[in-house]
Amino acid sequence: MKLCVGNRRGLSFIELIVTVVILSFLGMLVLPLAQMTAKRTKELELRRNLRQMRTALDDFKKNYDEAVKQGKLPNVQDKSGYPETLTVLVEGYDFGGLINFKKKFLRRIPPDPFNPSKGKDKDKMWGLRSYKDKPDSTQWGEEDVFDVYSLSEDTAIDGTKYKDW
């Protein structure tokens, strides 16, 4: 019975090193791609949430204006017709009997995916602007909610700031 020394099966140390280097290189390529995909997904969620809330604000304003037009609500001089807080969109509003129930515009206030302070106060999760505030204002006038924006100072993939969306 002869032992064949030259016909061993298995990997040499150099082959293992080359394999580890190749896998490490591929991992370095995949990791940034995965991070970019995660950021892009959060950006899509932010855009969707902003669109949803802005649409709800506009729908509230249309219903308010219709109720004033039909005489269901009094025409108040300084009232813009936008909700006083974001929670009004969730809890509903009566519109003076324009509709036979409290109309709700959102099931819940969607979260800001880039806002690190996700507190319990839903009106503090987003930056708010009232009708009388300037377009670039960072202080809410607290009269009504005319617009919402992200409180994140981060920069988007396209180079813009999330708070400017």
N, C-alpha and C. Protein backbone atom coordinates (compact mmCIF):
# COMPACT_ATOMS: atom_id res chain seq x y z
N MET A 1 0.83 -1.15 0.00
CA MET A 1 0.00 0.00 0.00
C MET A 1 0.89 1.24 0.00
N LYS A 2 0.69 2.07 -1.02
CA LYS A 2 1.52 3.27 -1.16
C LYS A 2 0.72 4.51 -0.80
N LEU A 3 1.38 5.43 -0.18
CA LEU A 3 0.78 6.72 0.13
C LEU A 3 1.20 7.73 -0.92
N CYS A 4 0.20 8.43 -1.50
CA CYS A 4 0.50 9.43 -2.50
C CYS A 4 0.58 10.78 -1.81
N VAL A 5 1.76 11.31 -1.74
CA VAL A 5 1.97 12.58 -1.08
C VAL A 5 1.59 13.74 -2.01
N GLY A 6 1.81 13.65 -3.27
CA GLY A 6 1.56 14.74 -4.21
C GLY A 6 0.11 14.90 -4.61
N ASN A 7 -0.76 14.00 -4.25
CA ASN A 7 -2.16 14.04 -4.69
C ASN A 7 -3.10 14.39 -3.53
N ARG A 8 -2.73 15.39 -2.74
CA ARG A 8 -3.58 15.81 -1.63
C ARG A 8 -4.70 16.71 -2.10
N ARG A 9 -5.84 16.57 -1.50
CA ARG A 9 -6.97 17.43 -1.83
C ARG A 9 -7.14 18.47 -0.73
N GLY A 10 -7.63 19.67 -1.13
CA GLY A 10 -7.83 20.74 -0.17
C GLY A 10 -7.29 22.05 -0.73
N LEU A 11 -7.35 23.09 0.09
CA LEU A 11 -6.91 24.41 -0.34
C LEU A 11 -5.59 24.76 0.32
N SER A 12 -4.76 25.43 -0.43
CA SER A 12 -3.51 25.91 0.15
C SER A 12 -3.79 27.22 0.88
N PHE A 13 -2.84 27.65 1.65
CA PHE A 13 -2.96 28.87 2.42
C PHE A 13 -3.10 30.08 1.48
N ILE A 14 -2.39 30.10 0.40
CA ILE A 14 -2.45 31.20 -0.56
C ILE A 14 -3.84 31.27 -1.21
N GLU A 15 -4.40 30.14 -1.54
CA GLU A 15 -5.75 30.12 -2.13
C GLU A 15 -6.79 30.66 -1.14
N LEU A 16 -6.63 30.34 0.12
CA LEU A 16 -7.53 30.88 1.14
C LEU A 16 -7.39 32.40 1.26
N ILE A 17 -6.17 32.90 1.24
CA ILE A 17 -5.92 34.35 1.34
C ILE A 17 -6.54 35.06 0.14
N VAL A 18 -6.34 34.53 -1.07
CA VAL A 18 -6.89 35.14 -2.28
C VAL A 18 -8.43 35.16 -2.21
N THR A 19 -9.03 34.09 -1.74
CA THR A 19 -10.49 34.02 -1.62
C THR A 19 -11.00 35.05 -0.63
N VAL A 20 -10.35 35.19 0.51
CA VAL A 20 -10.76 36.17 1.52
C VAL A 20 -10.61 37.59 0.97
N VAL A 21 -9.55 37.86 0.24
CA VAL A 21 -9.34 39.20 -0.33
C VAL A 21 -10.44 39.51 -1.35
N ILE A 22 -10.78 38.56 -2.20
CA ILE A 22 -11.83 38.76 -3.20
C ILE A 22 -13.18 39.00 -2.52
N LEU A 23 -13.51 38.22 -1.52
CA LEU A 23 -14.77 38.40 -0.78
C LEU A 23 -14.80 39.75 -0.05
N SER A 24 -13.68 40.15 0.52
CA SER A 24 -13.61 41.45 1.19
C SER A 24 -13.83 42.59 0.20
N PHE A 25 -13.22 42.48 -0.97
CA PHE A 25 -13.38 43.49 -2.01
C PHE A 25 -14.84 43.58 -2.45
N LEU A 26 -15.48 42.46 -2.65
CA LEU A 26 -16.89 42.45 -3.04
C LEU A 26 -17.77 43.03 -1.93
N GLY A 27 -17.44 42.72 -0.69
CA GLY A 27 -18.17 43.27 0.44
C GLY A 27 -18.04 44.79 0.52
N MET A 28 -16.84 45.31 0.21
CA MET A 28 -16.64 46.76 0.22
C MET A 28 -17.45 47.43 -0.88
N LEU A 29 -17.72 46.73 -1.95
CA LEU A 29 -18.53 47.29 -3.03
C LEU A 29 -20.03 47.23 -2.69
N VAL A 30 -20.46 46.19 -2.02
CA VAL A 30 -21.87 45.99 -1.75
C VAL A 30 -22.36 46.86 -0.59
N LEU A 31 -21.54 47.09 0.43
CA LEU A 31 -21.96 47.84 1.61
C LEU A 31 -22.42 49.27 1.28
N PRO A 32 -21.65 50.06 0.53
CA PRO A 32 -22.14 51.41 0.18
C PRO A 32 -23.42 51.37 -0.66
N LEU A 33 -23.53 50.38 -1.51
CA LEU A 33 -24.73 50.24 -2.32
C LEU A 33 -25.95 49.96 -1.43
N ALA A 34 -25.77 49.12 -0.43
CA ALA A 34 -26.86 48.81 0.50
C ALA A 34 -27.22 50.04 1.33
N GLN A 35 -26.22 50.81 1.74
CA GLN A 35 -26.50 52.03 2.51
C GLN A 35 -27.24 53.06 1.65
N MET A 36 -26.85 53.18 0.39
CA MET A 36 -27.52 54.12 -0.51
C MET A 36 -28.96 53.69 -0.76
N THR A 37 -29.18 52.39 -0.88
CA THR A 37 -30.53 51.88 -1.09
C THR A 37 -31.40 52.17 0.13
N ALA A 38 -30.85 52.00 1.32
CA ALA A 38 -31.61 52.29 2.55
C ALA A 38 -31.95 53.78 2.63
N LYS A 39 -31.00 54.65 2.28
CA LYS A 39 -31.25 56.09 2.32
C LYS A 39 -32.30 56.47 1.28
N ARG A 40 -32.21 55.89 0.10
CA ARG A 40 -33.19 56.18 -0.95
C ARG A 40 -34.60 55.75 -0.52
N THR A 41 -34.69 54.62 0.15
CA THR A 41 -35.99 54.14 0.64
C THR A 41 -36.57 55.11 1.67
N LYS A 42 -35.73 55.61 2.58
CA LYS A 42 -36.20 56.58 3.57
C LYS A 42 -36.61 57.89 2.91
N GLU A 43 -35.91 58.28 1.85
CA GLU A 43 -36.27 59.50 1.13
C GLU A 43 -37.64 59.35 0.45
N LEU A 44 -37.87 58.18 -0.14
CA LEU A 44 -39.17 57.93 -0.76
C LEU A 44 -40.29 57.98 0.28
N GLU A 45 -40.01 57.43 1.47
CA GLU A 45 -41.00 57.47 2.54
C GLU A 45 -41.26 58.90 2.99
N LEU A 46 -40.20 59.71 3.09
CA LEU A 46 -40.37 61.12 3.48
C LEU A 46 -41.21 61.86 2.45
N ARG A 47 -40.92 61.67 1.17
CA ARG A 47 -41.70 62.33 0.11
C ARG A 47 -43.17 61.92 0.17
N ARG A 48 -43.40 60.62 0.37
CA ARG A 48 -44.78 60.12 0.44
C ARG A 48 -45.51 60.70 1.65
N ASN A 49 -44.85 60.75 2.80
CA ASN A 49 -45.48 61.27 4.01
C ASN A 49 -45.77 62.77 3.89
N LEU A 50 -44.83 63.52 3.30
CA LEU A 50 -45.07 64.95 3.11
C LEU A 50 -46.24 65.18 2.15
N ARG A 51 -46.28 64.41 1.07
CA ARG A 51 -47.38 64.55 0.11
C ARG A 51 -48.72 64.20 0.76
N GLN A 52 -48.73 63.15 1.57
CA GLN A 52 -49.96 62.73 2.24
C GLN A 52 -50.47 63.82 3.19
N MET A 53 -49.56 64.40 3.99
CA MET A 53 -49.99 65.42 4.95
C MET A 53 -50.38 66.72 4.25
N ARG A 54 -49.65 67.10 3.21
CA ARG A 54 -49.99 68.33 2.49
C ARG A 54 -51.32 68.19 1.76
N THR A 55 -51.59 67.01 1.24
CA THR A 55 -52.88 66.77 0.60
C THR A 55 -54.01 66.85 1.63
N ALA A 56 -53.78 66.30 2.82
CA ALA A 56 -54.78 66.37 3.89
C ALA A 56 -55.02 67.83 4.31
N LEU A 57 -53.96 68.63 4.40
CA LEU A 57 -54.12 70.04 4.74
C LEU A 57 -54.94 70.77 3.67
N ASP A 58 -54.65 70.49 2.42
CA ASP A 58 -55.39 71.13 1.33
C ASP A 58 -56.86 70.69 1.32
N ASP A 59 -57.11 69.42 1.58
CA ASP A 59 -58.49 68.93 1.63
C ASP A 59 -59.26 69.57 2.79
N PHE A 60 -58.59 69.73 3.93
CA PHE A 60 -59.21 70.40 5.07
C PHE A 60 -59.60 71.83 4.67
N LYS A 61 -58.69 72.53 4.03
CA LYS A 61 -58.95 73.91 3.61
C LYS A 61 -60.13 73.98 2.64
N LYS A 62 -60.21 73.04 1.69
CA LYS A 62 -61.32 73.02 0.74
C LYS A 62 -62.65 72.82 1.46
N ASN A 63 -62.68 71.90 2.41
CA ASN A 63 -63.91 71.65 3.17
C ASN A 63 -64.28 72.85 4.02
N TYR A 64 -63.29 73.48 4.63
CA TYR A 64 -63.54 74.67 5.45
C TYR A 64 -64.12 75.80 4.59
N ASP A 65 -63.51 76.03 3.44
CA ASP A 65 -63.99 77.09 2.55
C ASP A 65 -65.41 76.80 2.06
N GLU A 66 -65.71 75.53 1.79
CA GLU A 66 -67.05 75.14 1.35
C GLU A 66 -68.07 75.37 2.47
N ALA A 67 -67.68 75.06 3.71
CA ALA A 67 -68.58 75.27 4.85
C ALA A 67 -68.85 76.76 5.05
N VAL A 68 -67.85 77.60 4.87
CA VAL A 68 -68.04 79.06 4.99
C VAL A 68 -68.92 79.55 3.85
N LYS A 69 -68.67 79.04 2.65
CA LYS A 69 -69.46 79.45 1.47
C LYS A 69 -70.94 79.11 1.64
N GLN A 70 -71.22 77.93 2.23
CA GLN A 70 -72.61 77.51 2.44
C GLN A 70 -73.22 78.09 3.71
N GLY A 71 -72.46 78.85 4.47
CA GLY A 71 -72.98 79.47 5.68
C GLY A 71 -73.00 78.55 6.89
N LYS A 72 -72.34 77.39 6.80
CA LYS A 72 -72.30 76.46 7.94
C LYS A 72 -71.34 76.94 9.02
N LEU A 73 -70.30 77.67 8.63
CA LEU A 73 -69.34 78.24 9.56
C LEU A 73 -69.28 79.75 9.34
N PRO A 74 -69.08 80.53 10.40
CA PRO A 74 -68.99 81.98 10.21
C PRO A 74 -67.68 82.36 9.51
N ASN A 75 -67.73 83.40 8.74
CA ASN A 75 -66.54 83.89 8.05
C ASN A 75 -65.76 84.77 9.01
N VAL A 76 -64.74 84.21 9.62
CA VAL A 76 -63.93 84.93 10.60
C VAL A 76 -62.78 85.61 9.85
N GLN A 77 -62.56 86.88 10.17
CA GLN A 77 -61.60 87.71 9.43
C GLN A 77 -60.18 87.13 9.44
N ASP A 78 -59.65 86.77 10.60
CA ASP A 78 -58.25 86.34 10.70
C ASP A 78 -58.06 84.83 10.57
N LYS A 79 -59.11 84.08 10.32
CA LYS A 79 -58.99 82.62 10.23
C LYS A 79 -58.65 82.23 8.80
N SER A 80 -57.61 81.44 8.63
CA SER A 80 -57.14 81.06 7.30
C SER A 80 -57.92 79.89 6.71
N GLY A 81 -58.48 79.07 7.57
CA GLY A 81 -59.18 77.88 7.10
C GLY A 81 -58.36 76.61 7.18
N TYR A 82 -57.14 76.73 7.64
CA TYR A 82 -56.29 75.55 7.83
C TYR A 82 -56.44 75.06 9.27
N PRO A 83 -56.16 73.77 9.54
CA PRO A 83 -56.35 73.25 10.91
C PRO A 83 -55.38 73.90 11.89
N GLU A 84 -55.82 73.93 13.15
CA GLU A 84 -55.00 74.54 14.20
C GLU A 84 -53.78 73.70 14.55
N THR A 85 -53.93 72.37 14.48
CA THR A 85 -52.81 71.45 14.74
C THR A 85 -52.93 70.27 13.79
N LEU A 86 -51.90 69.46 13.75
CA LEU A 86 -51.94 68.24 12.93
C LEU A 86 -52.91 67.21 13.51
N THR A 87 -53.10 67.22 14.81
CA THR A 87 -53.98 66.23 15.42
C THR A 87 -55.44 66.43 14.99
N VAL A 88 -55.80 67.63 14.56
CA VAL A 88 -57.16 67.87 14.06
C VAL A 88 -57.41 67.02 12.82
N LEU A 89 -56.37 66.80 12.02
CA LEU A 89 -56.52 65.99 10.81
C LEU A 89 -56.81 64.53 11.15
N VAL A 90 -56.35 64.09 12.31
CA VAL A 90 -56.57 62.71 12.74
C VAL A 90 -57.87 62.58 13.51
N GLU A 91 -58.15 63.51 14.42
CA GLU A 91 -59.33 63.44 15.26
C GLU A 91 -60.61 63.82 14.51
N GLY A 92 -60.49 64.63 13.48
CA GLY A 92 -61.64 65.02 12.68
C GLY A 92 -62.14 66.40 13.04
N TYR A 93 -62.95 66.95 12.13
CA TYR A 93 -63.50 68.29 12.29
C TYR A 93 -64.94 68.29 11.80
N ASP A 94 -65.79 69.06 12.43
CA ASP A 94 -67.24 69.04 12.17
C ASP A 94 -67.65 69.88 10.96
N PHE A 95 -67.00 70.98 10.70
CA PHE A 95 -67.32 71.90 9.61
C PHE A 95 -68.75 72.44 9.72
N GLY A 96 -69.24 72.59 10.92
CA GLY A 96 -70.54 73.20 11.14
C GLY A 96 -71.72 72.43 10.58
N GLY A 97 -71.58 71.17 10.38
CA GLY A 97 -72.67 70.37 9.85
C GLY A 97 -72.65 70.22 8.34
N LEU A 98 -71.57 70.63 7.70
CA LEU A 98 -71.44 70.45 6.25
C LEU A 98 -71.56 68.97 5.90
N ILE A 99 -70.97 68.16 6.75
CA ILE A 99 -71.05 66.71 6.64
C ILE A 99 -71.67 66.22 7.94
N ASN A 100 -72.37 65.11 7.92
CA ASN A 100 -73.09 64.64 9.11
C ASN A 100 -72.19 63.98 10.16
N PHE A 101 -70.91 64.10 9.99
CA PHE A 101 -69.98 63.49 10.95
C PHE A 101 -68.69 64.30 10.97
N LYS A 102 -67.85 64.01 11.96
CA LYS A 102 -66.54 64.65 12.01
C LYS A 102 -65.66 64.02 10.92
N LYS A 103 -65.28 64.81 9.97
CA LYS A 103 -64.48 64.29 8.86
C LYS A 103 -63.02 64.21 9.28
N LYS A 104 -62.45 63.02 9.08
CA LYS A 104 -61.04 62.79 9.39
C LYS A 104 -60.26 62.77 8.07
N PHE A 105 -59.07 63.32 8.10
CA PHE A 105 -58.27 63.43 6.89
C PHE A 105 -57.05 62.50 6.90
N LEU A 106 -56.64 62.05 8.06
CA LEU A 106 -55.53 61.11 8.21
C LEU A 106 -55.90 60.06 9.24
N ARG A 107 -55.45 58.85 9.04
CA ARG A 107 -55.63 57.81 10.07
C ARG A 107 -54.67 58.03 11.22
N ARG A 108 -53.48 58.48 10.87
CA ARG A 108 -52.45 58.78 11.87
C ARG A 108 -51.51 59.79 11.25
N ILE A 109 -50.76 60.46 12.07
CA ILE A 109 -49.75 61.37 11.56
C ILE A 109 -48.53 60.54 11.19
N PRO A 110 -48.15 60.53 9.93
CA PRO A 110 -47.02 59.69 9.54
C PRO A 110 -45.72 60.21 10.14
N PRO A 111 -44.80 59.33 10.46
CA PRO A 111 -43.54 59.77 11.07
C PRO A 111 -42.57 60.35 10.04
N ASP A 112 -41.69 61.19 10.51
CA ASP A 112 -40.60 61.70 9.68
C ASP A 112 -39.45 60.70 9.77
N PRO A 113 -39.10 60.00 8.69
CA PRO A 113 -38.06 58.97 8.79
C PRO A 113 -36.67 59.51 9.11
N PHE A 114 -36.44 60.80 8.93
CA PHE A 114 -35.13 61.37 9.20
C PHE A 114 -35.08 62.21 10.46
N ASN A 115 -36.19 62.32 11.18
CA ASN A 115 -36.22 63.10 12.40
C ASN A 115 -35.76 62.23 13.56
N PRO A 116 -34.61 62.56 14.16
CA PRO A 116 -34.10 61.72 15.25
C PRO A 116 -34.93 61.79 16.52
N SER A 117 -35.67 62.89 16.73
CA SER A 117 -36.45 63.03 17.95
C SER A 117 -37.89 62.62 17.68
N LYS A 118 -38.17 61.35 17.84
CA LYS A 118 -39.52 60.85 17.61
C LYS A 118 -40.23 60.78 18.95
N GLY A 119 -40.65 61.94 19.41
CA GLY A 119 -41.31 62.03 20.71
C GLY A 119 -42.77 61.66 20.64
N LYS A 120 -43.44 61.79 21.77
CA LYS A 120 -44.85 61.44 21.85
C LYS A 120 -45.74 62.54 21.32
N ASP A 121 -45.26 63.79 21.33
CA ASP A 121 -46.06 64.91 20.85
C ASP A 121 -46.02 64.92 19.32
N LYS A 122 -47.12 64.57 18.71
CA LYS A 122 -47.19 64.41 17.25
C LYS A 122 -46.96 65.73 16.52
N ASP A 123 -47.32 66.85 17.13
CA ASP A 123 -47.11 68.14 16.47
C ASP A 123 -45.66 68.59 16.52
N LYS A 124 -44.80 67.92 17.29
CA LYS A 124 -43.39 68.28 17.37
C LYS A 124 -42.51 67.36 16.51
N MET A 125 -43.10 66.37 15.88
CA MET A 125 -42.34 65.47 15.02
C MET A 125 -41.97 66.13 13.71
N TRP A 126 -42.72 67.11 13.30
CA TRP A 126 -42.53 67.80 12.03
C TRP A 126 -42.35 69.29 12.28
N GLY A 127 -41.67 69.94 11.37
CA GLY A 127 -41.63 71.39 11.38
C GLY A 127 -42.94 71.90 10.81
N LEU A 128 -43.51 72.92 11.43
CA LEU A 128 -44.81 73.44 11.00
C LEU A 128 -44.68 74.91 10.60
N ARG A 129 -45.48 75.30 9.62
CA ARG A 129 -45.57 76.70 9.22
C ARG A 129 -47.04 77.10 9.22
N SER A 130 -47.32 78.29 9.72
CA SER A 130 -48.69 78.79 9.66
C SER A 130 -48.85 79.61 8.39
N TYR A 131 -50.09 79.99 8.11
CA TYR A 131 -50.41 80.72 6.89
C TYR A 131 -49.69 82.07 6.83
N LYS A 132 -49.48 82.68 7.98
CA LYS A 132 -48.84 84.00 8.03
C LYS A 132 -47.31 83.93 8.11
N ASP A 133 -46.74 82.75 8.31
CA ASP A 133 -45.29 82.61 8.39
C ASP A 133 -44.66 82.80 7.01
N LYS A 134 -43.40 83.20 7.01
CA LYS A 134 -42.65 83.31 5.76
C LYS A 134 -42.32 81.90 5.26
N PRO A 135 -42.13 81.72 3.95
CA PRO A 135 -41.87 80.38 3.40
C PRO A 135 -40.62 79.69 3.97
N ASP A 136 -39.62 80.46 4.38
CA ASP A 136 -38.40 79.86 4.92
C ASP A 136 -38.32 79.94 6.44
N SER A 137 -39.43 80.26 7.07
CA SER A 137 -39.48 80.40 8.52
C SER A 137 -39.23 79.06 9.21
N THR A 138 -38.49 79.13 10.32
CA THR A 138 -38.27 77.92 11.13
C THR A 138 -39.04 78.00 12.45
N GLN A 139 -39.74 79.10 12.67
CA GLN A 139 -40.56 79.26 13.87
C GLN A 139 -42.03 79.22 13.47
N TRP A 140 -42.78 78.37 14.14
CA TRP A 140 -44.19 78.22 13.85
C TRP A 140 -44.98 79.32 14.54
N GLY A 141 -45.85 79.99 13.81
CA GLY A 141 -46.67 81.06 14.37
C GLY A 141 -47.78 80.57 15.27
N GLU A 142 -48.06 79.28 15.27
CA GLU A 142 -49.04 78.59 16.12
C GLU A 142 -50.48 79.04 15.90
N GLU A 143 -50.79 79.68 14.76
CA GLU A 143 -52.16 80.05 14.47
C GLU A 143 -52.88 78.90 13.77
N ASP A 144 -52.21 78.27 12.85
CA ASP A 144 -52.76 77.16 12.09
C ASP A 144 -51.59 76.37 11.50
N VAL A 145 -51.91 75.29 10.79
CA VAL A 145 -50.87 74.51 10.12
C VAL A 145 -51.11 74.63 8.62
N PHE A 146 -50.30 75.44 7.98
CA PHE A 146 -50.40 75.67 6.54
C PHE A 146 -49.48 74.70 5.78
N ASP A 147 -48.34 74.37 6.38
CA ASP A 147 -47.36 73.50 5.70
C ASP A 147 -46.58 72.73 6.75
N VAL A 148 -46.01 71.60 6.32
CA VAL A 148 -45.14 70.79 7.16
C VAL A 148 -43.82 70.57 6.43
N TYR A 149 -42.78 70.35 7.20
CA TYR A 149 -41.46 70.07 6.63
C TYR A 149 -40.67 69.22 7.61
N SER A 150 -39.63 68.58 7.11
CA SER A 150 -38.80 67.73 7.95
C SER A 150 -37.91 68.59 8.84
N LEU A 151 -37.67 68.13 10.04
CA LEU A 151 -36.77 68.83 10.96
C LEU A 151 -35.32 68.39 10.82
N SER A 152 -35.07 67.45 9.92
CA SER A 152 -33.73 66.92 9.73
C SER A 152 -32.82 67.94 9.05
N GLU A 153 -31.59 68.03 9.51
CA GLU A 153 -30.59 68.90 8.90
C GLU A 153 -29.75 68.15 7.87
N ASP A 154 -30.05 66.88 7.64
CA ASP A 154 -29.26 66.06 6.72
C ASP A 154 -29.47 66.50 5.28
N THR A 155 -28.53 66.06 4.44
CA THR A 155 -28.59 66.36 3.01
C THR A 155 -29.06 65.14 2.25
N ALA A 156 -29.92 65.35 1.28
CA ALA A 156 -30.47 64.26 0.48
C ALA A 156 -29.45 63.80 -0.57
N ILE A 157 -29.77 62.74 -1.25
CA ILE A 157 -28.91 62.20 -2.29
C ILE A 157 -28.71 63.22 -3.40
N ASP A 158 -29.74 64.00 -3.70
CA ASP A 158 -29.64 65.00 -4.77
C ASP A 158 -28.96 66.30 -4.34
N GLY A 159 -28.51 66.39 -3.08
CA GLY A 159 -27.77 67.55 -2.60
C GLY A 159 -28.62 68.59 -1.90
N THR A 160 -29.93 68.43 -1.88
CA THR A 160 -30.80 69.38 -1.19
C THR A 160 -30.94 68.97 0.28
N LYS A 161 -31.41 69.88 1.09
CA LYS A 161 -31.67 69.59 2.49
C LYS A 161 -33.09 69.05 2.62
N TYR A 162 -33.28 68.07 3.51
CA TYR A 162 -34.61 67.49 3.73
C TYR A 162 -35.60 68.53 4.21
N LYS A 163 -35.11 69.48 5.00
CA LYS A 163 -36.01 70.50 5.55
C LYS A 163 -36.55 71.43 4.47
N ASP A 164 -35.93 71.43 3.28
CA ASP A 164 -36.38 72.29 2.18
C ASP A 164 -37.35 71.61 1.25
N TRP A 165 -37.68 70.35 1.49
CA TRP A 165 -38.59 69.63 0.59
C TRP A 165 -39.99 70.10 0.77
